[in-house]
Amino acid sequence: MMNLSTLVPMALETVKDPRAVAQRLVALNLGRDVLWQALALVVVLSILLAELGALFRGNFSAVGQDTPFISPLRMGLIQFSLLVMMVFAIFWVGRAVGGTGRFQDGLVIVVWLQFCMVCLQVIQTVALLVLPALAWVIGVFGLVLFLWLLTHFVATVHGFVSLPKTFAMIVVSSFGFAFGLSLILALIGISVPGME
């Protein structure tokens, strides 16, 4: 039975042994419909925590600070879209370089990775109330943890042995994806805030 009493300890175990947890998740062989719903749920939780964090940060920020506003709905759609593209990238790129992972394997690890990030988001949100400076440190740690877990997850799903090569593949693919996406956005006339 999947509930918080089992998911949270499993998230902690993921930090210690990401490969073992990834193997357990893949072995569950969950259906795509369940996984898509789970992905939508973790995105909603992430946006709610982000909005709560923004509210807390507003209490500590300078009055009159010009901060760009993006609606929660739009932010949720952007985040969901990026995660979906990540799932396809893990499957296509992994298969292109000799990986053996299935599409749903990539989907389950992205869902779990996002859940782990949501758990870290909860800690970061609490830190904003207790010690705002610590929240920034947690944010940096979160980025490192994200890349570390993603590397182990992709290697496990596709049967890759070398973690450095897997990480290099992720970095190169990310830069290529970002470049392609920026070209598409420029062609359709959409500009990214702060990039003009």
C-alpha atoms as a PDB file:
ATOM      1  CA  MET A   1       0.000   0.000   0.000  1.00  0.00           C
ATOM      2  CA  MET A   2       1.461   3.329  -1.111  1.00  0.00           C
ATOM      3  CA  ASN A   3       0.924   6.086   1.475  1.00  0.00           C
ATOM      4  CA  LEU A   4       3.051   8.718   3.188  1.00  0.00           C
ATOM      5  CA  SER A   5       4.159   6.280   5.882  1.00  0.00           C
ATOM      6  CA  THR A   6       5.853   4.183   3.202  1.00  0.00           C
ATOM      7  CA  LEU A   7       6.663   6.837   0.580  1.00  0.00           C
ATOM      8  CA  VAL A   8       8.629   9.194   2.848  1.00  0.00           C
ATOM      9  CA  PRO A   9      10.983   6.477   4.218  1.00  0.00           C
ATOM     10  CA  MET A  10      11.373   5.271   0.647  1.00  0.00           C
ATOM     11  CA  ALA A  11      12.368   8.787  -0.410  1.00  0.00           C
ATOM     12  CA  LEU A  12      15.032   8.821   2.315  1.00  0.00           C
ATOM     13  CA  GLU A  13      16.245   5.426   1.142  1.00  0.00           C
ATOM     14  CA  THR A  14      16.473   6.838  -2.393  1.00  0.00           C
ATOM     15  CA  VAL A  15      19.184   9.262  -1.283  1.00  0.00           C
ATOM     16  CA  LYS A  16      21.201   6.373   0.173  1.00  0.00           C
ATOM     17  CA  ASP A  17      20.696   3.820  -2.589  1.00  0.00           C
ATOM     18  CA  PRO A  18      18.993   5.320  -5.677  1.00  0.00           C
ATOM     19  CA  ARG A  19      19.694   2.310  -7.898  1.00  0.00           C
ATOM     20  CA  ALA A  20      17.959  -0.134  -5.559  1.00  0.00           C
ATOM     21  CA  VAL A  21      14.885   2.081  -5.252  1.00  0.00           C
ATOM     22  CA  ALA A  22      14.752   2.618  -9.016  1.00  0.00           C
ATOM     23  CA  GLN A  23      14.823  -1.147  -9.533  1.00  0.00           C
ATOM     24  CA  ARG A  24      11.968  -1.577  -7.044  1.00  0.00           C
ATOM     25  CA  LEU A  25       9.905   1.083  -8.800  1.00  0.00           C
ATOM     26  CA  VAL A  26      10.444  -0.459 -12.223  1.00  0.00           C
ATOM     27  CA  ALA A  27       9.576  -3.910 -10.824  1.00  0.00           C
ATOM     28  CA  LEU A  28       6.159  -2.593  -9.707  1.00  0.00           C
ATOM     29  CA  ASN A  29       5.260  -2.403 -13.421  1.00  0.00           C
ATOM     30  CA  LEU A  30       2.649   0.301 -12.829  1.00  0.00           C
ATOM     31  CA  GLY A  31       0.270   1.189 -15.664  1.00  0.00           C
ATOM     32  CA  ARG A  32       0.788   4.357 -17.672  1.00  0.00           C
ATOM     33  CA  ASP A  33      -2.604   5.774 -16.649  1.00  0.00           C
ATOM     34  CA  VAL A  34      -1.660   5.519 -12.960  1.00  0.00           C
ATOM     35  CA  LEU A  35       1.748   7.066 -13.611  1.00  0.00           C
ATOM     36  CA  TRP A  36       0.339  10.019 -15.596  1.00  0.00           C
ATOM     37  CA  GLN A  37      -2.071  10.734 -12.731  1.00  0.00           C
ATOM     38  CA  ALA A  38       0.789  10.488 -10.236  1.00  0.00           C
ATOM     39  CA  LEU A  39       2.847  12.904 -12.328  1.00  0.00           C
ATOM     40  CA  ALA A  40      -0.007  15.414 -12.386  1.00  0.00           C
ATOM     41  CA  LEU A  41      -0.411  15.047  -8.604  1.00  0.00           C
ATOM     42  CA  VAL A  42       3.244  15.705  -7.781  1.00  0.00           C
ATOM     43  CA  VAL A  43       3.202  18.756 -10.072  1.00  0.00           C
ATOM     44  CA  VAL A  44       0.173  20.132  -8.215  1.00  0.00           C
ATOM     45  CA  LEU A  45       1.912  19.554  -4.871  1.00  0.00           C
ATOM     46  CA  SER A  46       5.063  21.235  -6.157  1.00  0.00           C
ATOM     47  CA  ILE A  47       3.135  24.312  -7.353  1.00  0.00           C
ATOM     48  CA  LEU A  48       1.253  24.587  -4.057  1.00  0.00           C
ATOM     49  CA  LEU A  49       4.526  24.495  -2.131  1.00  0.00           C
ATOM     50  CA  ALA A  50       6.089  27.004  -4.526  1.00  0.00           C
ATOM     51  CA  GLU A  51       3.182  29.393  -3.947  1.00  0.00           C
ATOM     52  CA  LEU A  52       3.469  28.919  -0.186  1.00  0.00           C
ATOM     53  CA  GLY A  53       7.203  29.562  -0.384  1.00  0.00           C
ATOM     54  CA  ALA A  54       6.621  32.697  -2.458  1.00  0.00           C
ATOM     55  CA  LEU A  55       4.200  33.918   0.198  1.00  0.00           C
ATOM     56  CA  PHE A  56       6.804  33.393   2.909  1.00  0.00           C
ATOM     57  CA  ARG A  57       9.529  35.043   0.837  1.00  0.00           C
ATOM     58  CA  GLY A  58       7.271  38.034   0.328  1.00  0.00           C
ATOM     59  CA  ASN A  59       7.370  38.630   4.068  1.00  0.00           C
ATOM     60  CA  PHE A  60      11.172  38.909   3.994  1.00  0.00           C
ATOM     61  CA  SER A  61      11.669  40.672   0.638  1.00  0.00           C
ATOM     62  CA  ALA A  62      12.094  44.380   0.241  1.00  0.00           C
ATOM     63  CA  VAL A  63       8.939  46.419  -0.273  1.00  0.00           C
ATOM     64  CA  GLY A  64       8.448  47.488  -3.868  1.00  0.00           C
ATOM     65  CA  GLN A  65      10.712  44.814  -5.302  1.00  0.00           C
ATOM     66  CA  ASP A  66       9.784  44.206  -8.925  1.00  0.00           C
ATOM     67  CA  THR A  67       9.155  40.467  -9.199  1.00  0.00           C
ATOM     68  CA  PRO A  68       7.678  38.945 -12.384  1.00  0.00           C
ATOM     69  CA  PHE A  69       4.419  37.086 -11.721  1.00  0.00           C
ATOM     70  CA  ILE A  70       3.437  33.832 -13.379  1.00  0.00           C
ATOM     71  CA  SER A  71       0.056  32.364 -12.526  1.00  0.00           C
ATOM     72  CA  PRO A  72       0.078  28.999 -10.700  1.00  0.00           C
ATOM     73  CA  LEU A  73      -1.915  27.411 -13.524  1.00  0.00           C
ATOM     74  CA  ARG A  74       0.569  28.520 -16.163  1.00  0.00           C
ATOM     75  CA  MET A  75       3.507  27.489 -13.987  1.00  0.00           C
ATOM     76  CA  GLY A  76       1.896  24.094 -13.439  1.00  0.00           C
ATOM     77  CA  LEU A  77       1.362  23.578 -17.168  1.00  0.00           C
ATOM     78  CA  ILE A  78       4.974  24.577 -17.875  1.00  0.00           C
ATOM     79  CA  GLN A  79       6.331  22.233 -15.208  1.00  0.00           C
ATOM     80  CA  PHE A  80       4.135  19.346 -16.330  1.00  0.00           C
ATOM     81  CA  SER A  81       5.161  19.884 -19.955  1.00  0.00           C
ATOM     82  CA  LEU A  82       8.857  19.941 -19.056  1.00  0.00           C
ATOM     83  CA  LEU A  83       8.532  16.720 -17.064  1.00  0.00           C
ATOM     84  CA  VAL A  84       6.698  15.033 -19.939  1.00  0.00           C
ATOM     85  CA  MET A  85       9.482  16.092 -22.302  1.00  0.00           C
ATOM     86  CA  MET A  86      11.994  14.705 -19.811  1.00  0.00           C
ATOM     87  CA  VAL A  87      10.226  11.337 -19.894  1.00  0.00           C
ATOM     88  CA  PHE A  88      10.381  11.216 -23.693  1.00  0.00           C
ATOM     89  CA  ALA A  89      14.019  12.359 -23.671  1.00  0.00           C
ATOM     90  CA  ILE A  90      15.004   9.643 -21.187  1.00  0.00           C
ATOM     91  CA  PHE A  91      13.344   7.037 -23.391  1.00  0.00           C
ATOM     92  CA  TRP A  92      14.470   8.251 -26.830  1.00  0.00           C
ATOM     93  CA  VAL A  93      18.011   9.339 -25.994  1.00  0.00           C
ATOM     94  CA  GLY A  94      18.601   6.310 -23.787  1.00  0.00           C
ATOM     95  CA  ARG A  95      17.442   3.941 -26.510  1.00  0.00           C
ATOM     96  CA  ALA A  96      19.501   5.820 -29.119  1.00  0.00           C
ATOM     97  CA  VAL A  97      22.728   5.102 -27.219  1.00  0.00           C
ATOM     98  CA  GLY A  98      21.974   1.453 -26.557  1.00  0.00           C
ATOM     99  CA  GLY A  99      19.718   1.585 -23.496  1.00  0.00           C
ATOM    100  CA  THR A 100      17.045  -1.045 -22.847  1.00  0.00           C
ATOM    101  CA  GLY A 101      14.547   0.890 -20.709  1.00  0.00           C
ATOM    102  CA  ARG A 102      10.834   1.023 -21.508  1.00  0.00           C
ATOM    103  CA  PHE A 103       8.796   4.216 -21.778  1.00  0.00           C
ATOM    104  CA  GLN A 104       6.920   3.519 -18.533  1.00  0.00           C
ATOM    105  CA  ASP A 105      10.246   2.942 -16.785  1.00  0.00           C
ATOM    106  CA  GLY A 106      11.276   6.488 -17.663  1.00  0.00           C
ATOM    107  CA  LEU A 107       7.869   7.721 -16.570  1.00  0.00           C
ATOM    108  CA  VAL A 108       8.006   6.056 -13.158  1.00  0.00           C
ATOM    109  CA  ILE A 109      11.478   7.395 -12.354  1.00  0.00           C
ATOM    110  CA  VAL A 110      10.464  10.939 -13.346  1.00  0.00           C
ATOM    111  CA  VAL A 111       7.396  10.709 -11.114  1.00  0.00           C
ATOM    112  CA  TRP A 112       9.512   9.437  -8.221  1.00  0.00           C
ATOM    113  CA  LEU A 113      12.246  11.996  -8.819  1.00  0.00           C
ATOM    114  CA  GLN A 114       9.666  14.766  -8.696  1.00  0.00           C
ATOM    115  CA  PHE A 115       8.189  13.327  -5.491  1.00  0.00           C
ATOM    116  CA  CYS A 116      11.646  13.374  -3.887  1.00  0.00           C
ATOM    117  CA  MET A 117      12.006  17.014  -4.939  1.00  0.00           C
ATOM    118  CA  VAL A 118       8.592  17.779  -3.408  1.00  0.00           C
ATOM    119  CA  CYS A 119       9.775  16.255  -0.115  1.00  0.00           C
ATOM    120  CA  LEU A 120      12.811  18.530  -0.250  1.00  0.00           C
ATOM    121  CA  GLN A 121      10.522  21.441  -1.098  1.00  0.00           C
ATOM    122  CA  VAL A 122       8.613  20.844   2.141  1.00  0.00           C
ATOM    123  CA  ILE A 123      11.876  21.118   4.102  1.00  0.00           C
ATOM    124  CA  GLN A 124      12.831  24.246   2.179  1.00  0.00           C
ATOM    125  CA  THR A 125       9.442  25.847   2.852  1.00  0.00           C
ATOM    126  CA  VAL A 126       9.797  25.208   6.595  1.00  0.00           C
ATOM    127  CA  ALA A 127      13.325  26.645   6.439  1.00  0.00           C
ATOM    128  CA  LEU A 128      11.919  29.852   4.935  1.00  0.00           C
ATOM    129  CA  LEU A 129      10.004  30.383   8.166  1.00  0.00           C
ATOM    130  CA  VAL A 130      12.771  29.365  10.545  1.00  0.00           C
ATOM    131  CA  LEU A 131      15.980  30.445   8.806  1.00  0.00           C
ATOM    132  CA  PRO A 132      15.578  31.970   5.312  1.00  0.00           C
ATOM    133  CA  ALA A 133      19.307  31.758   4.529  1.00  0.00           C
ATOM    134  CA  LEU A 134      19.168  27.986   5.013  1.00  0.00           C
ATOM    135  CA  ALA A 135      16.456  27.729   2.374  1.00  0.00           C
ATOM    136  CA  TRP A 136      18.943  28.943  -0.254  1.00  0.00           C
ATOM    137  CA  VAL A 137      21.452  26.262   0.785  1.00  0.00           C
ATOM    138  CA  ILE A 138      18.710  23.623   0.546  1.00  0.00           C
ATOM    139  CA  GLY A 139      17.888  24.900  -2.939  1.00  0.00           C
ATOM    140  CA  VAL A 140      21.484  24.420  -4.102  1.00  0.00           C
ATOM    141  CA  PHE A 141      21.576  20.981  -2.476  1.00  0.00           C
ATOM    142  CA  GLY A 142      18.328  20.161  -4.271  1.00  0.00           C
ATOM    143  CA  LEU A 143      19.870  20.900  -7.667  1.00  0.00           C
ATOM    144  CA  VAL A 144      22.861  18.655  -6.938  1.00  0.00           C
ATOM    145  CA  LEU A 145      20.580  15.923  -5.574  1.00  0.00           C
ATOM    146  CA  PHE A 146      18.335  16.149  -8.639  1.00  0.00           C
ATOM    147  CA  LEU A 147      21.237  15.579 -11.037  1.00  0.00           C
ATOM    148  CA  TRP A 148      22.727  12.821  -8.868  1.00  0.00           C
ATOM    149  CA  LEU A 149      19.454  10.907  -8.595  1.00  0.00           C
ATOM    150  CA  LEU A 150      18.606  11.416 -12.264  1.00  0.00           C
ATOM    151  CA  THR A 151      21.986   9.995 -13.297  1.00  0.00           C
ATOM    152  CA  HIS A 152      21.518   6.879 -11.151  1.00  0.00           C
ATOM    153  CA  PHE A 153      17.897   6.454 -12.271  1.00  0.00           C
ATOM    154  CA  VAL A 154      18.691   6.701 -15.984  1.00  0.00           C
ATOM    155  CA  ALA A 155      21.636   4.340 -15.627  1.00  0.00           C
ATOM    156  CA  THR A 156      19.458   1.813 -13.796  1.00  0.00           C
ATOM    157  CA  VAL A 157      16.535   2.000 -16.212  1.00  0.00           C
ATOM    158  CA  HIS A 158      18.652   1.646 -19.345  1.00  0.00           C
ATOM    159  CA  GLY A 159      21.229  -0.760 -17.939  1.00  0.00           C
ATOM    160  CA  PHE A 160      24.151   1.657 -18.248  1.00  0.00           C
ATOM    161  CA  VAL A 161      27.254   0.785 -16.218  1.00  0.00           C
ATOM    162  CA  SER A 162      29.195   4.066 -16.328  1.00  0.00           C
ATOM    163  CA  LEU A 163      27.707   6.877 -14.231  1.00  0.00           C
ATOM    164  CA  PRO A 164      30.089   9.554 -15.630  1.00  0.00           C
ATOM    165  CA  LYS A 165      29.047   8.677 -19.199  1.00  0.00           C
ATOM    166  CA  THR A 166      25.384   8.698 -18.180  1.00  0.00           C
ATOM    167  CA  PHE A 167      25.793  12.113 -16.562  1.00  0.00           C
ATOM    168  CA  ALA A 168      27.586  13.435 -19.653  1.00  0.00           C
ATOM    169  CA  MET A 169      24.737  12.171 -21.824  1.00  0.00           C
ATOM    170  CA  ILE A 170      22.218  13.973 -19.603  1.00  0.00           C
ATOM    171  CA  VAL A 171      24.175  17.243 -19.737  1.00  0.00           C
ATOM    172  CA  VAL A 172      24.649  17.145 -23.526  1.00  0.00           C
ATOM    173  CA  SER A 173      20.992  16.204 -24.069  1.00  0.00           C
ATOM    174  CA  SER A 174      19.853  19.020 -21.749  1.00  0.00           C
ATOM    175  CA  PHE A 175      21.882  21.639 -23.613  1.00  0.00           C
ATOM    176  CA  GLY A 176      20.629  20.349 -26.944  1.00  0.00           C
ATOM    177  CA  PHE A 177      17.046  20.351 -25.711  1.00  0.00           C
ATOM    178  CA  ALA A 178      17.347  23.875 -24.286  1.00  0.00           C
ATOM    179  CA  PHE A 179      18.842  25.166 -27.541  1.00  0.00           C
ATOM    180  CA  GLY A 180      16.136  23.531 -29.650  1.00  0.00           C
ATOM    181  CA  LEU A 181      13.383  24.791 -27.375  1.00  0.00           C
ATOM    182  CA  SER A 182      14.743  28.352 -27.468  1.00  0.00           C
ATOM    183  CA  LEU A 183      14.767  28.257 -31.282  1.00  0.00           C
ATOM    184  CA  ILE A 184      11.171  27.010 -31.397  1.00  0.00           C
ATOM    185  CA  LEU A 185      10.025  29.690 -28.947  1.00  0.00           C
ATOM    186  CA  ALA A 186      11.836  32.370 -30.931  1.00  0.00           C
ATOM    187  CA  LEU A 187      10.224  31.200 -34.182  1.00  0.00           C
ATOM    188  CA  ILE A 188       6.727  31.389 -32.726  1.00  0.00           C
ATOM    189  CA  GLY A 189       7.426  34.748 -31.104  1.00  0.00           C
ATOM    190  CA  ILE A 190       7.567  33.795 -27.425  1.00  0.00           C
ATOM    191  CA  SER A 191      10.272  35.389 -25.301  1.00  0.00           C
ATOM    192  CA  VAL A 192      11.522  34.097 -21.967  1.00  0.00           C
ATOM    193  CA  PRO A 193      11.469  36.722 -19.161  1.00  0.00           C
ATOM    194  CA  GLY A 194      14.930  38.026 -18.408  1.00  0.00           C
ATOM    195  CA  MET A 195      16.371  36.723 -21.696  1.00  0.00           C
ATOM    196  CA  GLU A 196      15.487  39.663 -23.909  1.00  0.00           C
END
